N, C-alpha and C. Protein backbone atom coordinates (compact mmCIF):
# COMPACT_ATOMS: atom_id res chain seq x y z
N MET A 1 -9.51 -1.37 1.98
CA MET A 1 -8.21 -1.97 1.80
C MET A 1 -7.51 -2.05 3.15
N ASN A 2 -6.74 -3.09 3.31
CA ASN A 2 -6.01 -3.26 4.56
C ASN A 2 -4.93 -2.19 4.70
N ASP A 3 -4.67 -1.84 5.94
CA ASP A 3 -3.61 -0.88 6.21
C ASP A 3 -2.39 -1.66 6.69
N PHE A 4 -1.68 -2.27 5.73
CA PHE A 4 -0.56 -3.12 6.07
C PHE A 4 0.53 -2.36 6.82
N LYS A 5 0.74 -1.12 6.44
CA LYS A 5 1.82 -0.34 7.06
C LYS A 5 1.63 -0.25 8.57
N SER A 6 0.41 0.06 9.02
CA SER A 6 0.19 0.17 10.46
C SER A 6 0.24 -1.20 11.13
N ASP A 7 -0.21 -2.25 10.42
CA ASP A 7 -0.10 -3.60 10.97
C ASP A 7 1.35 -3.98 11.17
N TYR A 8 2.17 -3.71 10.16
CA TYR A 8 3.60 -4.03 10.26
C TYR A 8 4.28 -3.22 11.35
N ALA A 9 3.90 -1.96 11.47
CA ALA A 9 4.48 -1.11 12.52
C ALA A 9 4.11 -1.64 13.90
N ALA A 10 2.88 -2.11 14.06
CA ALA A 10 2.46 -2.67 15.35
C ALA A 10 3.24 -3.95 15.67
N LEU A 11 3.46 -4.77 14.66
CA LEU A 11 4.23 -6.00 14.88
C LEU A 11 5.69 -5.67 15.22
N ALA A 12 6.24 -4.65 14.59
CA ALA A 12 7.61 -4.23 14.90
C ALA A 12 7.70 -3.74 16.34
N ALA A 13 6.71 -2.97 16.77
CA ALA A 13 6.69 -2.47 18.15
C ALA A 13 6.57 -3.63 19.14
N ALA A 14 5.77 -4.62 18.82
CA ALA A 14 5.63 -5.78 19.70
C ALA A 14 6.94 -6.55 19.78
N SER A 15 7.65 -6.66 18.68
CA SER A 15 8.94 -7.34 18.69
C SER A 15 9.97 -6.58 19.52
N ARG A 16 9.96 -5.26 19.41
CA ARG A 16 10.88 -4.45 20.23
C ARG A 16 10.55 -4.58 21.71
N SER A 17 9.28 -4.60 22.02
CA SER A 17 8.86 -4.76 23.41
C SER A 17 9.31 -6.11 23.96
N ALA A 18 9.13 -7.15 23.14
CA ALA A 18 9.57 -8.48 23.56
C ALA A 18 11.08 -8.51 23.75
N ALA A 19 11.81 -7.83 22.89
CA ALA A 19 13.28 -7.78 23.00
C ALA A 19 13.70 -7.08 24.29
N ALA A 20 12.99 -6.02 24.65
CA ALA A 20 13.35 -5.26 25.85
C ALA A 20 13.14 -6.10 27.12
N GLU A 21 12.18 -7.00 27.07
CA GLU A 21 11.88 -7.82 28.25
C GLU A 21 12.71 -9.09 28.31
N GLU A 22 13.39 -9.41 27.24
CA GLU A 22 14.11 -10.68 27.16
C GLU A 22 15.44 -10.64 27.91
N VAL A 23 15.75 -11.75 28.56
CA VAL A 23 16.99 -11.88 29.33
C VAL A 23 18.10 -12.45 28.45
N LEU A 24 17.78 -13.42 27.65
CA LEU A 24 18.79 -14.09 26.82
C LEU A 24 19.14 -13.25 25.60
N GLU A 25 20.43 -13.05 25.39
CA GLU A 25 20.89 -12.18 24.31
C GLU A 25 20.49 -12.71 22.93
N ASN A 26 20.61 -14.01 22.72
CA ASN A 26 20.28 -14.54 21.40
C ASN A 26 18.79 -14.39 21.08
N VAL A 27 17.94 -14.54 22.09
CA VAL A 27 16.51 -14.37 21.89
C VAL A 27 16.19 -12.89 21.68
N ARG A 28 16.88 -12.01 22.41
CA ARG A 28 16.70 -10.57 22.22
C ARG A 28 17.05 -10.17 20.78
N GLN A 29 18.16 -10.72 20.26
CA GLN A 29 18.56 -10.44 18.89
C GLN A 29 17.54 -10.95 17.89
N LYS A 30 16.94 -12.11 18.20
CA LYS A 30 15.90 -12.65 17.32
C LYS A 30 14.73 -11.67 17.23
N HIS A 31 14.32 -11.11 18.37
CA HIS A 31 13.21 -10.14 18.39
C HIS A 31 13.60 -8.85 17.66
N LEU A 32 14.83 -8.40 17.82
CA LEU A 32 15.28 -7.18 17.14
C LEU A 32 15.36 -7.39 15.63
N THR A 33 15.79 -8.58 15.22
CA THR A 33 15.81 -8.91 13.80
C THR A 33 14.39 -8.92 13.24
N SER A 34 13.49 -9.47 14.01
CA SER A 34 12.09 -9.50 13.61
C SER A 34 11.55 -8.07 13.46
N ALA A 35 11.87 -7.21 14.41
CA ALA A 35 11.41 -5.82 14.36
C ALA A 35 11.94 -5.11 13.11
N ALA A 36 13.22 -5.35 12.80
CA ALA A 36 13.81 -4.73 11.61
C ALA A 36 13.12 -5.22 10.35
N THR A 37 12.76 -6.50 10.32
CA THR A 37 12.06 -7.05 9.17
C THR A 37 10.68 -6.43 9.02
N TRP A 38 9.94 -6.31 10.12
CA TRP A 38 8.61 -5.68 10.08
C TRP A 38 8.71 -4.23 9.63
N ASP A 39 9.74 -3.53 10.10
CA ASP A 39 9.95 -2.14 9.67
C ASP A 39 10.18 -2.07 8.16
N SER A 40 10.98 -2.99 7.66
CA SER A 40 11.26 -3.03 6.22
C SER A 40 9.98 -3.30 5.44
N LEU A 41 9.16 -4.20 5.93
CA LEU A 41 7.89 -4.50 5.26
C LEU A 41 6.95 -3.29 5.29
N ALA A 42 6.99 -2.52 6.38
CA ALA A 42 6.15 -1.32 6.47
C ALA A 42 6.56 -0.29 5.42
N VAL A 43 7.86 -0.12 5.24
CA VAL A 43 8.36 0.81 4.23
C VAL A 43 7.97 0.32 2.83
N SER A 44 8.11 -0.97 2.61
CA SER A 44 7.73 -1.55 1.32
C SER A 44 6.24 -1.39 1.06
N ALA A 45 5.42 -1.61 2.08
CA ALA A 45 3.96 -1.46 1.93
C ALA A 45 3.59 -0.02 1.59
N GLU A 46 4.29 0.92 2.20
CA GLU A 46 4.02 2.33 1.90
C GLU A 46 4.36 2.64 0.44
N GLY A 47 5.50 2.13 0.00
CA GLY A 47 5.89 2.34 -1.39
C GLY A 47 4.90 1.71 -2.36
N MET A 48 4.44 0.52 -2.04
CA MET A 48 3.46 -0.15 -2.91
C MET A 48 2.15 0.62 -2.94
N GLU A 49 1.75 1.18 -1.81
CA GLU A 49 0.51 1.96 -1.77
C GLU A 49 0.64 3.22 -2.64
N LEU A 50 1.79 3.86 -2.60
CA LEU A 50 2.01 5.04 -3.45
C LEU A 50 1.97 4.67 -4.93
N LEU A 51 2.60 3.53 -5.28
CA LEU A 51 2.57 3.08 -6.66
C LEU A 51 1.15 2.73 -7.09
N ARG A 52 0.40 2.10 -6.21
CA ARG A 52 -0.98 1.73 -6.52
C ARG A 52 -1.83 2.98 -6.77
N GLU A 53 -1.68 3.97 -5.91
CA GLU A 53 -2.43 5.22 -6.08
C GLU A 53 -2.06 5.90 -7.40
N LYS A 54 -0.78 5.90 -7.72
CA LYS A 54 -0.33 6.51 -8.97
C LYS A 54 -0.90 5.76 -10.16
N ARG A 55 -0.85 4.43 -10.09
CA ARG A 55 -1.37 3.61 -11.19
C ARG A 55 -2.87 3.81 -11.36
N LEU A 56 -3.61 3.83 -10.27
CA LEU A 56 -5.05 4.03 -10.35
C LEU A 56 -5.38 5.42 -10.89
N GLY A 57 -4.61 6.42 -10.49
CA GLY A 57 -4.81 7.77 -11.00
C GLY A 57 -4.54 7.84 -12.48
N THR A 58 -3.50 7.16 -12.93
CA THR A 58 -3.17 7.13 -14.35
C THR A 58 -4.27 6.43 -15.13
N ARG A 59 -4.77 5.32 -14.59
CA ARG A 59 -5.85 4.61 -15.27
C ARG A 59 -7.10 5.47 -15.36
N ALA A 60 -7.41 6.19 -14.30
CA ALA A 60 -8.59 7.06 -14.30
C ALA A 60 -8.44 8.16 -15.35
N GLU A 61 -7.24 8.73 -15.43
CA GLU A 61 -6.99 9.76 -16.43
C GLU A 61 -7.12 9.21 -17.84
N LEU A 62 -6.61 8.01 -18.08
CA LEU A 62 -6.70 7.39 -19.40
C LEU A 62 -8.16 7.11 -19.76
N ALA A 63 -8.92 6.62 -18.81
CA ALA A 63 -10.34 6.34 -19.06
C ALA A 63 -11.09 7.63 -19.37
N GLU A 64 -10.75 8.68 -18.64
CA GLU A 64 -11.39 9.98 -18.86
C GLU A 64 -11.06 10.50 -20.26
N ASP A 65 -9.80 10.38 -20.66
CA ASP A 65 -9.38 10.81 -22.00
C ASP A 65 -10.10 10.00 -23.07
N GLU A 66 -10.22 8.70 -22.84
CA GLU A 66 -10.90 7.83 -23.80
C GLU A 66 -12.36 8.23 -23.96
N MET A 67 -13.01 8.56 -22.88
CA MET A 67 -14.42 8.96 -22.95
C MET A 67 -14.58 10.28 -23.70
N GLU A 68 -13.61 11.17 -23.54
CA GLU A 68 -13.67 12.46 -24.22
C GLU A 68 -13.48 12.29 -25.73
N ARG A 69 -12.70 11.28 -26.14
CA ARG A 69 -12.42 11.06 -27.55
C ARG A 69 -13.55 10.34 -28.27
N GLU A 70 -14.33 9.55 -27.55
CA GLU A 70 -15.41 8.80 -28.19
C GLU A 70 -16.52 9.74 -28.61
N PRO A 71 -17.03 9.55 -29.84
CA PRO A 71 -18.15 10.39 -30.28
C PRO A 71 -19.41 10.01 -29.51
N ALA A 72 -20.27 10.99 -29.30
CA ALA A 72 -21.52 10.75 -28.59
C ALA A 72 -22.39 9.84 -29.44
N PRO A 73 -23.03 8.85 -28.83
CA PRO A 73 -23.88 7.95 -29.62
C PRO A 73 -25.07 8.71 -30.20
N SER A 74 -25.38 8.42 -31.46
CA SER A 74 -26.53 9.11 -32.09
C SER A 74 -27.79 8.37 -31.72
N SER A 75 -28.88 9.09 -31.65
CA SER A 75 -30.16 8.52 -31.27
C SER A 75 -30.87 7.88 -32.46
N GLY A 76 -30.33 8.03 -33.64
CA GLY A 76 -30.94 7.45 -34.82
C GLY A 76 -31.92 8.40 -35.51
N ALA A 77 -32.37 9.39 -34.83
CA ALA A 77 -33.31 10.34 -35.42
C ALA A 77 -32.55 11.59 -35.82
N GLU A 78 -32.87 12.10 -36.98
CA GLU A 78 -32.20 13.31 -37.46
C GLU A 78 -32.97 14.53 -36.98
N PRO A 79 -32.26 15.62 -36.67
CA PRO A 79 -32.95 16.82 -36.22
C PRO A 79 -33.84 17.40 -37.33
N ALA A 80 -34.96 17.95 -36.93
CA ALA A 80 -35.92 18.49 -37.90
C ALA A 80 -35.66 19.94 -38.18
């Protein structure tokens, strides 16, 4: 699975770097706005990953419970 959080963090760092090198104030603000947006996406990606892990864990637990409740298949032969 992709690691969106680290990708977004890298893009935010690149935007901050570009802002630090920029001479024009309006362009600097554009880069800082971009960095804030990437940071927000990184936080959102982290939250989604936690929800995904929780959901997958819940599904695994449900599947495990279902398997425990199902009777074992009979082989068709009766014990002697």
